[in-house]
Amino acid sequence: MKIPEGELMEHIVPIDYFPGFNLEGFPNRDSLQYAALYGITEAHTVFRGTLRYKGCGSVFQAFLKLGLLDRSPHPCLHPQGPEISWKHFLCNILGQIDPNIFLDMFKSLIFDKLGRDEIRLRAIEDLGLLSEDAIEKRMTPIDTITNYLHKRLSYDSAERDIVILRHEVEIQWPDLKKECRSISLVCYGEPNGYSAMAKTVGYPTGIAAKMIVDGEIQQKGMIVPLTPDIYSPLLNRLKREGIIAVERSKTVE
């Protein structure tokens, strides 16, 4: 499956595992390279995806439709240019000459541009993108919206992030029986402490670095941790830090 540029969020799929999280997924770059790395070149399907809460893809489609993911410089967003609000900028993108248009009329234009999708409109409004607040201009729409959301969506003191990982391997054995093996990992961040992202990235890196210093890893150069002598002790030490993967197997009819 090859997805043209700009159409990624049109391939959102619902996720039926972890129903309590209400997730959706979409493809994440080239998956086929992993077939050789994992020694499963005979696999019929190899797919790597990204998990997000349901509705995330629709919001990004709204950004795309409004031109907010454009990587080209926009004259209104030059850092040395005159001050401009989100409302004024979106009026410019929509070809609306008068930035002082009444809010209801402005929202109606945005609503039409978003395919008359009320959820997308509500998300754009909740994110403050219809406001008169001045933009911190970063030359391109995508850099400007990224900088804005980085600040707008930063965690409050009592909030925390979450990392969810899921592997599924479907097997057909020589006797034609089918099995599905899964590995699941859920890691929560700590309010006022390490985030889940920091723990799941930092701990493996730190453990691997110590293994090199202690001489446990003898290989030289750039190494992918796909051999048991590396990943087995690493996974065991991650358990001591509370990062634990759960393995399950079930027969598939």
Protein backbone atom coordinates (compact mmCIF):
# COMPACT_ATOMS: atom_id res chain seq x y z
CA MET A 1 0.00 0.00 0.00
CA LYS A 2 1.38 3.37 -1.03
CA ILE A 3 -0.30 6.53 0.24
CA PRO A 4 0.17 9.78 -1.72
CA GLU A 5 1.41 12.85 0.12
CA GLY A 6 -1.41 14.69 1.87
CA GLU A 7 -3.71 11.66 2.07
CA LEU A 8 -2.33 9.91 5.16
CA MET A 9 -5.20 10.97 7.42
CA GLU A 10 -7.71 9.55 4.95
CA HIS A 11 -6.51 6.07 5.94
CA ILE A 12 -7.52 6.14 9.60
CA VAL A 13 -8.59 2.75 10.99
CA PRO A 14 -10.45 2.05 14.27
CA ILE A 15 -8.53 0.06 16.89
CA ASP A 16 -10.42 -2.72 18.67
CA TYR A 17 -7.83 -3.63 21.32
CA PHE A 18 -7.56 -1.48 24.46
CA PRO A 19 -11.20 -0.33 24.00
CA GLY A 20 -11.01 1.78 27.14
CA PHE A 21 -8.55 4.14 25.43
CA ASN A 22 -10.81 4.73 22.39
CA LEU A 23 -7.92 4.66 19.91
CA GLU A 24 -7.49 4.99 16.17
CA GLY A 25 -4.48 4.26 13.99
CA PHE A 26 -2.85 5.27 10.74
CA PRO A 27 0.19 4.11 8.74
CA ASN A 28 3.64 5.29 9.82
CA ARG A 29 6.21 5.54 7.00
CA ASP A 30 7.79 2.56 5.22
CA SER A 31 6.97 -0.68 7.01
CA LEU A 32 8.44 -3.13 4.51
CA GLN A 33 12.04 -2.57 5.64
CA TYR A 34 11.24 -4.38 8.90
CA ALA A 35 10.54 -7.69 7.16
CA ALA A 36 14.25 -8.25 6.50
CA LEU A 37 15.33 -6.85 9.89
CA TYR A 38 13.02 -9.20 11.77
CA GLY A 39 13.73 -12.18 9.51
CA ILE A 40 10.14 -12.52 8.29
CA THR A 41 10.54 -11.86 4.56
CA GLU A 42 7.92 -14.53 3.86
CA ALA A 43 5.26 -12.51 5.73
CA HIS A 44 2.29 -11.54 3.56
CA THR A 45 1.70 -8.28 5.43
CA VAL A 46 4.06 -6.06 7.42
CA PHE A 47 2.50 -2.92 8.84
CA ARG A 48 3.73 -0.27 11.27
CA GLY A 49 1.29 2.34 12.47
CA THR A 50 0.78 5.21 14.89
CA LEU A 51 -1.83 5.10 17.66
CA ARG A 52 -3.76 8.20 18.67
CA TYR A 53 -6.97 8.96 20.54
CA LYS A 54 -10.01 8.77 18.30
CA GLY A 55 -10.64 12.06 16.50
CA CYS A 56 -6.99 13.07 16.23
CA GLY A 57 -6.86 12.23 12.52
CA SER A 58 -9.95 14.30 11.80
CA VAL A 59 -8.39 17.34 13.49
CA PHE A 60 -5.26 16.99 11.36
CA GLN A 61 -7.44 16.75 8.28
CA ALA A 62 -8.95 20.06 9.36
CA PHE A 63 -5.46 21.58 9.64
CA LEU A 64 -4.69 20.27 6.16
CA LYS A 65 -7.87 21.69 4.64
CA LEU A 66 -7.13 25.10 6.17
CA GLY A 67 -3.58 25.13 4.84
CA LEU A 68 -2.04 25.06 8.30
CA LEU A 69 0.32 22.20 7.41
CA ASP A 70 1.83 23.99 4.43
CA ARG A 71 5.65 24.00 4.55
CA SER A 72 6.03 26.95 2.18
CA PRO A 73 6.84 30.45 3.52
CA HIS A 74 3.75 32.67 3.82
CA PRO A 75 4.09 36.45 3.54
CA CYS A 76 1.74 37.01 6.49
CA LEU A 77 3.99 34.93 8.73
CA HIS A 78 7.29 36.74 8.28
CA PRO A 79 8.69 37.33 11.81
CA GLN A 80 9.45 40.97 10.98
CA GLY A 81 6.04 41.61 9.43
CA PRO A 82 3.05 43.36 11.02
CA GLU A 83 1.15 41.67 13.85
CA ILE A 84 -1.60 39.33 12.71
CA SER A 85 -4.23 37.28 14.57
CA TRP A 86 -5.32 33.72 13.86
CA LYS A 87 -8.66 35.04 12.59
CA HIS A 88 -6.94 37.49 10.25
CA PHE A 89 -4.55 34.83 8.98
CA LEU A 90 -7.32 32.31 8.27
CA CYS A 91 -9.29 35.05 6.49
CA ASN A 92 -6.25 35.56 4.28
CA ILE A 93 -6.00 31.82 3.55
CA LEU A 94 -9.74 31.65 2.72
CA GLY A 95 -9.53 34.66 0.43
CA GLN A 96 -11.76 36.71 2.71
CA ILE A 97 -10.74 40.33 2.10
CA ASP A 98 -12.27 41.85 5.24
CA PRO A 99 -10.62 40.45 8.43
CA ASN A 100 -13.26 42.29 10.48
CA ILE A 101 -15.97 39.92 9.27
CA PHE A 102 -18.52 39.02 11.97
CA LEU A 103 -17.55 35.89 13.91
CA ASP A 104 -20.68 33.94 12.92
CA MET A 105 -20.03 34.59 9.23
CA PHE A 106 -16.37 33.72 9.70
CA LYS A 107 -17.27 30.43 11.40
CA SER A 108 -19.66 29.66 8.55
CA LEU A 109 -16.81 30.06 6.04
CA ILE A 110 -14.58 27.79 8.12
CA PHE A 111 -17.43 25.27 8.48
CA ASP A 112 -17.83 25.07 4.70
CA LYS A 113 -14.06 24.72 4.21
CA LEU A 114 -14.02 21.81 6.67
CA GLY A 115 -16.70 19.92 4.75
CA ARG A 116 -19.41 21.06 7.15
CA ASP A 117 -17.97 18.82 9.86
CA GLU A 118 -19.07 20.10 13.29
CA ILE A 119 -16.46 18.11 15.21
CA ARG A 120 -13.64 19.63 13.18
CA LEU A 121 -15.08 23.12 13.58
CA ARG A 122 -15.38 22.65 17.34
CA ALA A 123 -11.76 21.46 17.54
CA ILE A 124 -10.50 24.47 15.59
CA GLU A 125 -12.50 26.78 17.84
CA ASP A 126 -11.43 25.03 21.07
CA LEU A 127 -7.79 25.35 20.03
CA GLY A 128 -8.20 29.12 19.77
CA LEU A 129 -7.63 29.30 16.02
CA LEU A 130 -10.64 31.54 15.42
CA SER A 131 -9.51 34.11 17.97
CA GLU A 132 -8.13 37.62 17.70
CA ASP A 133 -5.00 36.53 19.58
CA ALA A 134 -1.76 37.58 17.91
CA ILE A 135 0.27 34.86 16.21
CA GLU A 136 3.90 34.19 17.04
CA LYS A 137 4.96 34.05 13.41
CA ARG A 138 7.44 31.38 12.28
CA MET A 139 7.52 32.00 8.49
CA THR A 140 5.60 28.86 7.40
CA PRO A 141 2.11 27.74 8.45
CA ILE A 142 3.30 24.36 9.71
CA ASP A 143 6.10 25.86 11.83
CA THR A 144 3.73 28.50 13.18
CA ILE A 145 0.96 26.06 14.15
CA THR A 146 3.52 23.63 15.62
CA ASN A 147 5.00 26.33 17.83
CA TYR A 148 1.52 27.46 18.87
CA LEU A 149 0.26 23.96 19.75
CA HIS A 150 3.49 23.17 21.63
CA LYS A 151 2.58 25.92 24.08
CA ARG A 152 -1.21 25.58 23.94
CA LEU A 153 -1.19 21.83 24.63
CA SER A 154 1.63 21.65 27.16
CA TYR A 155 0.82 19.62 30.27
CA ASP A 156 -0.55 21.23 33.38
CA SER A 157 1.02 20.29 36.72
CA ALA A 158 -1.44 17.45 37.41
CA GLU A 159 -1.51 16.02 33.87
CA ARG A 160 0.52 13.14 32.48
CA ASP A 161 1.23 11.50 29.13
CA ILE A 162 0.94 7.89 28.08
CA VAL A 163 2.84 5.59 25.74
CA ILE A 164 1.01 2.62 24.24
CA LEU A 165 2.80 -0.08 22.25
CA ARG A 166 1.22 -3.05 20.54
CA HIS A 167 2.71 -5.84 18.43
CA GLU A 168 0.58 -8.48 16.74
CA VAL A 169 1.99 -11.45 14.84
CA GLU A 170 -0.44 -13.73 13.05
CA ILE A 171 0.94 -17.19 12.30
CA GLN A 172 -0.30 -20.04 10.14
CA TRP A 173 1.41 -23.28 11.17
CA PRO A 174 2.13 -26.25 8.81
CA ASP A 175 -0.99 -28.04 10.13
CA LEU A 176 -2.99 -24.93 8.98
CA LYS A 177 -3.83 -23.89 12.54
CA LYS A 178 -3.70 -20.13 13.06
CA GLU A 179 -2.34 -18.30 16.08
CA CYS A 180 -2.12 -14.64 17.04
CA ARG A 181 0.65 -13.60 19.41
CA SER A 182 0.57 -10.11 20.88
CA ILE A 183 2.83 -7.93 22.99
CA SER A 184 1.27 -4.93 24.75
CA LEU A 185 2.87 -2.17 26.77
CA VAL A 186 1.20 0.75 28.54
CA CYS A 187 3.37 3.27 30.35
CA TYR A 188 2.09 6.36 32.17
CA GLY A 189 4.03 9.50 32.86
CA GLU A 190 4.36 10.95 36.34
CA PRO A 191 2.89 14.36 37.13
CA ASN A 192 5.81 16.63 38.08
CA GLY A 193 8.16 13.74 37.23
CA TYR A 194 9.40 11.86 34.20
CA SER A 195 7.03 11.68 31.26
CA ALA A 196 6.17 8.29 29.74
CA MET A 197 8.02 9.35 26.60
CA ALA A 198 11.12 10.23 28.62
CA LYS A 199 11.03 6.89 30.45
CA THR A 200 10.45 4.69 27.40
CA VAL A 201 13.19 6.46 25.42
CA GLY A 202 15.64 7.38 28.17
CA TYR A 203 15.74 4.17 30.21
CA PRO A 204 16.56 1.84 27.27
CA THR A 205 19.23 4.28 26.09
CA GLY A 206 20.78 4.52 29.55
CA ILE A 207 20.70 0.76 30.10
CA ALA A 208 22.27 0.10 26.69
CA ALA A 209 24.98 2.69 27.35
CA LYS A 210 25.87 1.03 30.66
CA MET A 211 25.95 -2.39 28.95
CA ILE A 212 28.53 -1.00 26.51
CA VAL A 213 30.61 0.58 29.31
CA ASP A 214 30.50 -2.70 31.30
CA GLY A 215 31.54 -4.74 28.27
CA GLU A 216 28.28 -6.68 28.02
CA ILE A 217 27.86 -5.61 24.41
CA GLN A 218 30.93 -6.68 22.45
CA GLN A 219 29.78 -5.75 18.95
CA LYS A 220 31.21 -2.61 17.39
CA GLY A 221 29.65 0.16 15.32
CA MET A 222 25.97 0.96 14.85
CA ILE A 223 24.00 -1.96 16.27
CA VAL A 224 20.29 -2.69 15.97
CA PRO A 225 19.15 -4.43 19.21
CA LEU A 226 17.57 -7.44 17.53
CA THR A 227 19.69 -10.20 19.09
CA PRO A 228 18.84 -11.89 22.43
CA ASP A 229 22.20 -11.05 24.00
CA ILE A 230 21.19 -7.38 23.82
CA TYR A 231 17.42 -7.24 24.16
CA SER A 232 16.92 -9.95 26.81
CA PRO A 233 18.94 -8.28 29.62
CA LEU A 234 17.68 -4.89 28.49
CA LEU A 235 14.02 -5.94 28.78
CA ASN A 236 14.65 -7.54 32.19
CA ARG A 237 16.20 -4.32 33.51
CA LEU A 238 13.35 -2.25 32.10
CA LYS A 239 10.96 -4.33 34.23
CA ARG A 240 12.77 -3.09 37.35
CA GLU A 241 11.90 0.45 36.20
CA GLY A 242 8.22 -0.48 35.82
CA ILE A 243 8.25 -0.75 32.03
CA ILE A 244 6.69 -4.15 31.47
CA ALA A 245 5.39 -5.72 28.26
CA VAL A 246 2.61 -8.31 28.45
CA GLU A 247 2.68 -11.24 26.02
CA ARG A 248 -0.42 -13.20 25.03
CA SER A 249 -1.33 -15.89 22.53
CA LYS A 250 -4.69 -16.99 21.17
CA THR A 251 -5.97 -19.38 18.53
CA VAL A 252 -7.51 -17.73 15.49
CA GLU A 253 -10.51 -19.43 13.90
